[in-house]
Structures are given as structure tokens and as C-alpha cells.
Amino acid sequence: MTDKILILTGDAAETLEVFYPYHRLQEAGYEVHIGAPVKRKLQFVVHDFVDGFGTYTEKPGHAWDADVAFADVDPADYVAIVVPGGRAPEYIRNDEDAKRIVRHFFEANSPVAATCHGPLLLAAAGVLKGRTSSAYPELAIDVETAGGLFENGGAVVDGNLVTARAWPDNGIWMKAFIDVLEGARVTA
């Protein structure tokens, strides 16, 4: 049986932060599912950085079907979760089932990857206390308010948790996450 990984996301997720881990984890031999508040086609976005602009810009990105609604997820069916950024974490952090799924993985000390605004969901689930996390740099206050230690790095590993700042860190973020996944396989 192939190990399964769940990506927790929704509309307005950053396209590159969904698709890169989705395909990279498939390439590594995992079955990857997209979980969302409801099972339907999701609309992702593309964020970019423009010289002289105080924040990122946003344009419509790709659309992709969710495989499963959060309410229907049995976290025990998965070996790991990934929480991409974009604006999706701003609203999925209010979903009780999304928080339930996140808490399961932290309680089980199972691999978790989050990037950009993804740590907003971890903060809402109450799992960042005492943990070191990267995120989009303007979210340092959110990580710290949740009791975490913010580190402005591209692939921050704290035990089972692997975080990054945004899509420019995708390569080093996923390499570190796959290392954590493989380590979890050895100890399982």
C-alpha cells in the first residue's frame, strides 16, 4: 500500500505552493490528496513580488479539484500533511475539521510541512507553542502570538515540522520535508 499525504488548502491558495509539493511528493512515491472545506473545484492564485511594491501581487492561477472534504478526512489514513500558503489559510483556519486534522499530526508527532501563510492554520490549531517556525516574514507576529519562535529561514526543521517563507523556498522546503518523511518511515 502506498503511503498517503494530505494537502490542506482551499480557494486562493498559492498555485506554486500547492502544485510543487503535490508533484514532488508523487515523484517520491507518495499518493497525494487535496483536502478542502468542501469537495469541489478550487481556484488557486499566483503571488509575485514586484520591485517597489510594499507587498506581493495576486493574479488568478490554476484550478484543481479537491479530493476530499475536511469533514470526511480520517487523519489516520495519512502519514503526513502539507499546508500551502496563499490566502486559503486565512479562512481554513476557522474550519474545525482542518484544525482537528492538524492537531492529530502534532499529537502523533507525524510529519507536517507548512509554508508562507500556512502557519496561520497551525497557530489557530494551537500547535505552535514552543515550536520554531518560518512563514511569510510578515507573519512573524502570528507565530510569536501563538507561542512559537519565528525564524526567517527557507527550510526550518523543528522535529516533525518543516516550514518555509514562500514559494521561492519550494526546493529546499520539500527536500527537508522528504528527509523528515523518510526518517519517519525508518522509525515506524
C-alpha atoms as a PDB file:
ATOM      1  CA  MET A   1       0.000   0.000   0.000  1.00  0.00           C
ATOM      2  CA  THR A   2       1.290   3.451  -0.939  1.00  0.00           C
ATOM      3  CA  ASP A   3       1.626   5.968   1.891  1.00  0.00           C
ATOM      4  CA  LYS A   4      -0.785   8.882   1.517  1.00  0.00           C
ATOM      5  CA  ILE A   5      -0.165  12.560   2.194  1.00  0.00           C
ATOM      6  CA  LEU A   6      -2.904  15.181   2.559  1.00  0.00           C
ATOM      7  CA  ILE A   7      -2.572  18.778   1.389  1.00  0.00           C
ATOM      8  CA  LEU A   8      -4.914  21.050   3.371  1.00  0.00           C
ATOM      9  CA  THR A   9      -5.962  24.028   1.262  1.00  0.00           C
ATOM     10  CA  GLY A  10      -8.796  25.949  -0.365  1.00  0.00           C
ATOM     11  CA  ASP A  11      -9.590  28.723  -2.805  1.00  0.00           C
ATOM     12  CA  ALA A  12      -6.883  31.389  -3.234  1.00  0.00           C
ATOM     13  CA  ALA A  13      -4.049  29.053  -2.253  1.00  0.00           C
ATOM     14  CA  GLU A  14      -0.755  29.913  -3.949  1.00  0.00           C
ATOM     15  CA  THR A  15      -0.558  27.738  -7.080  1.00  0.00           C
ATOM     16  CA  LEU A  16       3.176  27.043  -6.762  1.00  0.00           C
ATOM     17  CA  GLU A  17       2.847  26.089  -3.086  1.00  0.00           C
ATOM     18  CA  VAL A  18       0.171  23.515  -3.902  1.00  0.00           C
ATOM     19  CA  PHE A  19       1.494  22.062  -7.149  1.00  0.00           C
ATOM     20  CA  TYR A  20       5.181  21.827  -6.274  1.00  0.00           C
ATOM     21  CA  PRO A  21       4.677  19.643  -3.181  1.00  0.00           C
ATOM     22  CA  TYR A  22       1.838  17.759  -4.902  1.00  0.00           C
ATOM     23  CA  HIS A  23       4.025  16.652  -7.805  1.00  0.00           C
ATOM     24  CA  ARG A  24       7.294  16.380  -5.854  1.00  0.00           C
ATOM     25  CA  LEU A  25       5.692  14.052  -3.306  1.00  0.00           C
ATOM     26  CA  GLN A  26       4.132  11.970  -6.077  1.00  0.00           C
ATOM     27  CA  GLU A  27       7.568  11.729  -7.660  1.00  0.00           C
ATOM     28  CA  ALA A  28       8.889  10.450  -4.309  1.00  0.00           C
ATOM     29  CA  GLY A  29       6.304   7.647  -4.375  1.00  0.00           C
ATOM     30  CA  TYR A  30       3.500   9.026  -2.203  1.00  0.00           C
ATOM     31  CA  GLU A  31      -0.211   9.161  -3.042  1.00  0.00           C
ATOM     32  CA  VAL A  32      -1.219  12.804  -2.581  1.00  0.00           C
ATOM     33  CA  HIS A  33      -4.753  14.045  -1.876  1.00  0.00           C
ATOM     34  CA  ILE A  34      -6.081  17.589  -1.837  1.00  0.00           C
ATOM     35  CA  GLY A  35      -8.333  18.296   1.145  1.00  0.00           C
ATOM     36  CA  ALA A  36     -10.530  21.393   1.318  1.00  0.00           C
ATOM     37  CA  PRO A  37     -13.576  22.689   3.205  1.00  0.00           C
ATOM     38  CA  VAL A  38     -15.773  21.027   0.543  1.00  0.00           C
ATOM     39  CA  LYS A  39     -15.041  18.612  -2.293  1.00  0.00           C
ATOM     40  CA  ARG A  40     -15.208  20.729  -5.443  1.00  0.00           C
ATOM     41  CA  LYS A  41     -13.011  22.547  -7.951  1.00  0.00           C
ATOM     42  CA  LEU A  42     -10.725  25.047  -6.178  1.00  0.00           C
ATOM     43  CA  GLN A  43      -9.385  28.267  -7.699  1.00  0.00           C
ATOM     44  CA  PHE A  44      -5.742  28.934  -6.871  1.00  0.00           C
ATOM     45  CA  VAL A  45      -3.822  32.199  -7.313  1.00  0.00           C
ATOM     46  CA  VAL A  46      -0.344  33.353  -8.299  1.00  0.00           C
ATOM     47  CA  HIS A  47       1.509  35.711  -5.981  1.00  0.00           C
ATOM     48  CA  ASP A  48       4.517  37.614  -7.203  1.00  0.00           C
ATOM     49  CA  PHE A  49       6.953  40.155  -5.854  1.00  0.00           C
ATOM     50  CA  VAL A  50       7.297  43.462  -7.702  1.00  0.00           C
ATOM     51  CA  ASP A  51      10.148  45.914  -7.161  1.00  0.00           C
ATOM     52  CA  GLY A  52       8.949  48.974  -5.279  1.00  0.00           C
ATOM     53  CA  PHE A  53       5.671  47.340  -4.187  1.00  0.00           C
ATOM     54  CA  GLY A  54       5.225  47.005  -0.412  1.00  0.00           C
ATOM     55  CA  THR A  55       3.665  43.540  -0.542  1.00  0.00           C
ATOM     56  CA  TYR A  56       3.004  40.795  -3.079  1.00  0.00           C
ATOM     57  CA  THR A  57       0.617  40.995  -6.037  1.00  0.00           C
ATOM     58  CA  GLU A  58      -2.094  38.436  -6.814  1.00  0.00           C
ATOM     59  CA  LYS A  59      -3.444  37.093 -10.098  1.00  0.00           C
ATOM     60  CA  PRO A  60      -5.747  34.165 -10.906  1.00  0.00           C
ATOM     61  CA  GLY A  61      -3.893  30.845 -11.117  1.00  0.00           C
ATOM     62  CA  HIS A  62      -4.812  27.275 -11.938  1.00  0.00           C
ATOM     63  CA  ALA A  63      -7.947  25.443 -10.846  1.00  0.00           C
ATOM     64  CA  TRP A  64      -7.827  21.945  -9.345  1.00  0.00           C
ATOM     65  CA  ASP A  65     -10.333  19.501  -7.859  1.00  0.00           C
ATOM     66  CA  ALA A  66     -10.281  18.750  -4.162  1.00  0.00           C
ATOM     67  CA  ASP A  67     -10.254  15.024  -3.465  1.00  0.00           C
ATOM     68  CA  VAL A  68     -11.872  15.124  -0.040  1.00  0.00           C
ATOM     69  CA  ALA A  69     -13.726  17.498   2.284  1.00  0.00           C
ATOM     70  CA  PHE A  70     -12.042  18.139   5.648  1.00  0.00           C
ATOM     71  CA  ALA A  71     -15.084  16.721   7.475  1.00  0.00           C
ATOM     72  CA  ASP A  72     -14.602  13.385   5.694  1.00  0.00           C
ATOM     73  CA  VAL A  73     -10.884  13.050   6.483  1.00  0.00           C
ATOM     74  CA  ASP A  74      -9.695  10.338   8.835  1.00  0.00           C
ATOM     75  CA  PRO A  75      -6.201  11.630   9.646  1.00  0.00           C
ATOM     76  CA  ALA A  76      -5.085   8.080  10.494  1.00  0.00           C
ATOM     77  CA  ASP A  77      -5.293   7.313   6.746  1.00  0.00           C
ATOM     78  CA  TYR A  78      -2.364   9.678   6.073  1.00  0.00           C
ATOM     79  CA  VAL A  79       1.320   9.675   7.036  1.00  0.00           C
ATOM     80  CA  ALA A  80       1.786  13.446   6.708  1.00  0.00           C
ATOM     81  CA  ILE A  81       0.154  16.754   5.885  1.00  0.00           C
ATOM     82  CA  VAL A  82       1.189  19.802   3.862  1.00  0.00           C
ATOM     83  CA  VAL A  83      -0.285  23.289   4.397  1.00  0.00           C
ATOM     84  CA  PRO A  84       0.442  25.628   1.471  1.00  0.00           C
ATOM     85  CA  GLY A  85       0.151  29.385   1.709  1.00  0.00           C
ATOM     86  CA  GLY A  86      -1.700  31.973  -0.247  1.00  0.00           C
ATOM     87  CA  ARG A  87      -4.905  33.352   1.219  1.00  0.00           C
ATOM     88  CA  ALA A  88      -6.542  29.938   1.809  1.00  0.00           C
ATOM     89  CA  PRO A  89      -5.079  29.554   5.328  1.00  0.00           C
ATOM     90  CA  GLU A  90      -6.765  32.817   6.352  1.00  0.00           C
ATOM     91  CA  TYR A  91     -10.173  31.145   6.145  1.00  0.00           C
ATOM     92  CA  ILE A  92      -9.483  27.415   6.547  1.00  0.00           C
ATOM     93  CA  ARG A  93      -8.002  28.228   9.978  1.00  0.00           C
ATOM     94  CA  ASN A  94     -11.618  28.772  11.063  1.00  0.00           C
ATOM     95  CA  ASP A  95     -12.632  25.261   9.964  1.00  0.00           C
ATOM     96  CA  GLU A  96     -12.882  22.951  12.994  1.00  0.00           C
ATOM     97  CA  ASP A  97     -12.128  19.862  10.912  1.00  0.00           C
ATOM     98  CA  ALA A  98      -8.979  21.428   9.454  1.00  0.00           C
ATOM     99  CA  LYS A  99      -7.782  22.171  12.999  1.00  0.00           C
ATOM    100  CA  ARG A 100      -8.722  18.625  14.085  1.00  0.00           C
ATOM    101  CA  ILE A 101      -6.580  17.183  11.306  1.00  0.00           C
ATOM    102  CA  VAL A 102      -3.600  19.392  12.186  1.00  0.00           C
ATOM    103  CA  ARG A 103      -3.834  18.517  15.887  1.00  0.00           C
ATOM    104  CA  HIS A 104      -3.826  14.803  15.048  1.00  0.00           C
ATOM    105  CA  PHE A 105      -0.484  15.090  13.258  1.00  0.00           C
ATOM    106  CA  PHE A 106       1.148  17.055  16.052  1.00  0.00           C
ATOM    107  CA  GLU A 107      -0.193  14.686  18.724  1.00  0.00           C
ATOM    108  CA  ALA A 108       1.154  11.716  16.729  1.00  0.00           C
ATOM    109  CA  ASN A 109       4.453  13.523  16.032  1.00  0.00           C
ATOM    110  CA  SER A 110       3.875  12.822  12.319  1.00  0.00           C
ATOM    111  CA  PRO A 111       5.446  14.913   9.525  1.00  0.00           C
ATOM    112  CA  VAL A 112       3.929  18.336   8.846  1.00  0.00           C
ATOM    113  CA  ALA A 113       5.029  20.832   6.189  1.00  0.00           C
ATOM    114  CA  ALA A 114       3.751  24.420   6.030  1.00  0.00           C
ATOM    115  CA  THR A 115       4.837  27.430   4.030  1.00  0.00           C
ATOM    116  CA  CYS A 116       4.053  31.106   3.614  1.00  0.00           C
ATOM    117  CA  HIS A 117       0.657  31.753   5.256  1.00  0.00           C
ATOM    118  CA  GLY A 118       0.200  28.035   6.072  1.00  0.00           C
ATOM    119  CA  PRO A 119       1.372  28.519   9.685  1.00  0.00           C
ATOM    120  CA  LEU A 120      -1.815  30.575  10.266  1.00  0.00           C
ATOM    121  CA  LEU A 121      -3.683  27.239  10.365  1.00  0.00           C
ATOM    122  CA  LEU A 122      -1.098  25.769  12.751  1.00  0.00           C
ATOM    123  CA  ALA A 123      -1.429  28.811  15.028  1.00  0.00           C
ATOM    124  CA  ALA A 124      -5.232  28.531  15.029  1.00  0.00           C
ATOM    125  CA  ALA A 125      -4.960  24.817  15.865  1.00  0.00           C
ATOM    126  CA  GLY A 126      -2.839  25.723  18.893  1.00  0.00           C
ATOM    127  CA  VAL A 127       0.191  23.620  17.938  1.00  0.00           C
ATOM    128  CA  LEU A 128       2.956  26.223  17.613  1.00  0.00           C
ATOM    129  CA  LYS A 129       3.595  26.809  21.323  1.00  0.00           C
ATOM    130  CA  GLY A 130       7.297  26.190  21.942  1.00  0.00           C
ATOM    131  CA  ARG A 131       7.938  25.335  18.279  1.00  0.00           C
ATOM    132  CA  THR A 132      10.232  27.082  15.792  1.00  0.00           C
ATOM    133  CA  SER A 133       8.520  28.023  12.540  1.00  0.00           C
ATOM    134  CA  SER A 134       9.248  30.008   9.440  1.00  0.00           C
ATOM    135  CA  ALA A 135       6.441  31.678   7.471  1.00  0.00           C
ATOM    136  CA  TYR A 136       5.921  34.644   5.208  1.00  0.00           C
ATOM    137  CA  PRO A 137       8.000  37.213   7.150  1.00  0.00           C
ATOM    138  CA  GLU A 138       5.040  39.469   7.930  1.00  0.00           C
ATOM    139  CA  LEU A 139       3.527  36.541   9.866  1.00  0.00           C
ATOM    140  CA  ALA A 140       6.290  36.581  12.493  1.00  0.00           C
ATOM    141  CA  ILE A 141       3.852  38.232  14.884  1.00  0.00           C
ATOM    142  CA  ASP A 142       1.273  35.473  14.300  1.00  0.00           C
ATOM    143  CA  VAL A 143       3.808  32.718  15.006  1.00  0.00           C
ATOM    144  CA  GLU A 144       5.009  34.512  18.144  1.00  0.00           C
ATOM    145  CA  THR A 145       1.484  35.316  19.373  1.00  0.00           C
ATOM    146  CA  ALA A 146       0.736  31.583  19.096  1.00  0.00           C
ATOM    147  CA  GLY A 147       3.698  30.875  21.392  1.00  0.00           C
ATOM    148  CA  GLY A 148       6.157  29.893  18.686  1.00  0.00           C
ATOM    149  CA  LEU A 149       9.606  31.130  17.831  1.00  0.00           C
ATOM    150  CA  PHE A 150       9.775  32.740  14.380  1.00  0.00           C
ATOM    151  CA  GLU A 151      12.802  32.018  12.203  1.00  0.00           C
ATOM    152  CA  ASN A 152      13.135  33.821   8.876  1.00  0.00           C
ATOM    153  CA  GLY A 153      14.569  30.850   7.004  1.00  0.00           C
ATOM    154  CA  GLY A 154      13.898  28.871   3.876  1.00  0.00           C
ATOM    155  CA  ALA A 155      13.651  25.374   5.341  1.00  0.00           C
ATOM    156  CA  VAL A 156      13.236  25.400   9.098  1.00  0.00           C
ATOM    157  CA  VAL A 157      13.052  21.952  10.670  1.00  0.00           C
ATOM    158  CA  ASP A 158      11.762  21.525  14.228  1.00  0.00           C
ATOM    159  CA  GLY A 159      11.268  17.796  14.806  1.00  0.00           C
ATOM    160  CA  ASN A 160       8.297  16.712  12.688  1.00  0.00           C
ATOM    161  CA  LEU A 161       7.604  20.283  11.476  1.00  0.00           C
ATOM    162  CA  VAL A 162       9.172  21.692   8.287  1.00  0.00           C
ATOM    163  CA  THR A 163       8.344  25.304   7.394  1.00  0.00           C
ATOM    164  CA  ALA A 164       9.406  27.871   4.817  1.00  0.00           C
ATOM    165  CA  ARG A 165       8.787  31.507   3.864  1.00  0.00           C
ATOM    166  CA  ALA A 166       7.093  31.191   0.441  1.00  0.00           C
ATOM    167  CA  TRP A 167       7.311  29.571  -2.999  1.00  0.00           C
ATOM    168  CA  PRO A 168      10.886  30.736  -3.721  1.00  0.00           C
ATOM    169  CA  ASP A 169      11.895  28.233  -0.987  1.00  0.00           C
ATOM    170  CA  ASN A 170       9.976  25.296  -2.515  1.00  0.00           C
ATOM    171  CA  GLY A 171      13.037  23.224  -3.463  1.00  0.00           C
ATOM    172  CA  ILE A 172      14.821  23.361  -0.107  1.00  0.00           C
ATOM    173  CA  TRP A 173      11.490  23.142   1.783  1.00  0.00           C
ATOM    174  CA  MET A 174      10.437  19.916   0.049  1.00  0.00           C
ATOM    175  CA  LYS A 175      13.927  18.411   0.268  1.00  0.00           C
ATOM    176  CA  ALA A 176      13.898  18.933   4.042  1.00  0.00           C
ATOM    177  CA  PHE A 177      10.336  17.583   4.266  1.00  0.00           C
ATOM    178  CA  ILE A 178      11.171  14.449   2.290  1.00  0.00           C
ATOM    179  CA  ASP A 179      14.135  13.885   4.621  1.00  0.00           C
ATOM    180  CA  VAL A 180      11.731  14.095   7.594  1.00  0.00           C
ATOM    181  CA  LEU A 181       9.287  11.747   5.830  1.00  0.00           C
ATOM    182  CA  GLU A 182      11.996   9.198   5.137  1.00  0.00           C
ATOM    183  CA  GLY A 183      13.200   9.439   8.744  1.00  0.00           C
ATOM    184  CA  ALA A 184       9.656   8.771   9.936  1.00  0.00           C
ATOM    185  CA  ARG A 185       9.453   5.681   7.684  1.00  0.00           C
ATOM    186  CA  VAL A 186      12.634   4.275   9.254  1.00  0.00           C
ATOM    187  CA  THR A 187      11.351   4.731  12.805  1.00  0.00           C
ATOM    188  CA  ALA A 188       7.821   3.492  12.056  1.00  0.00           C
END
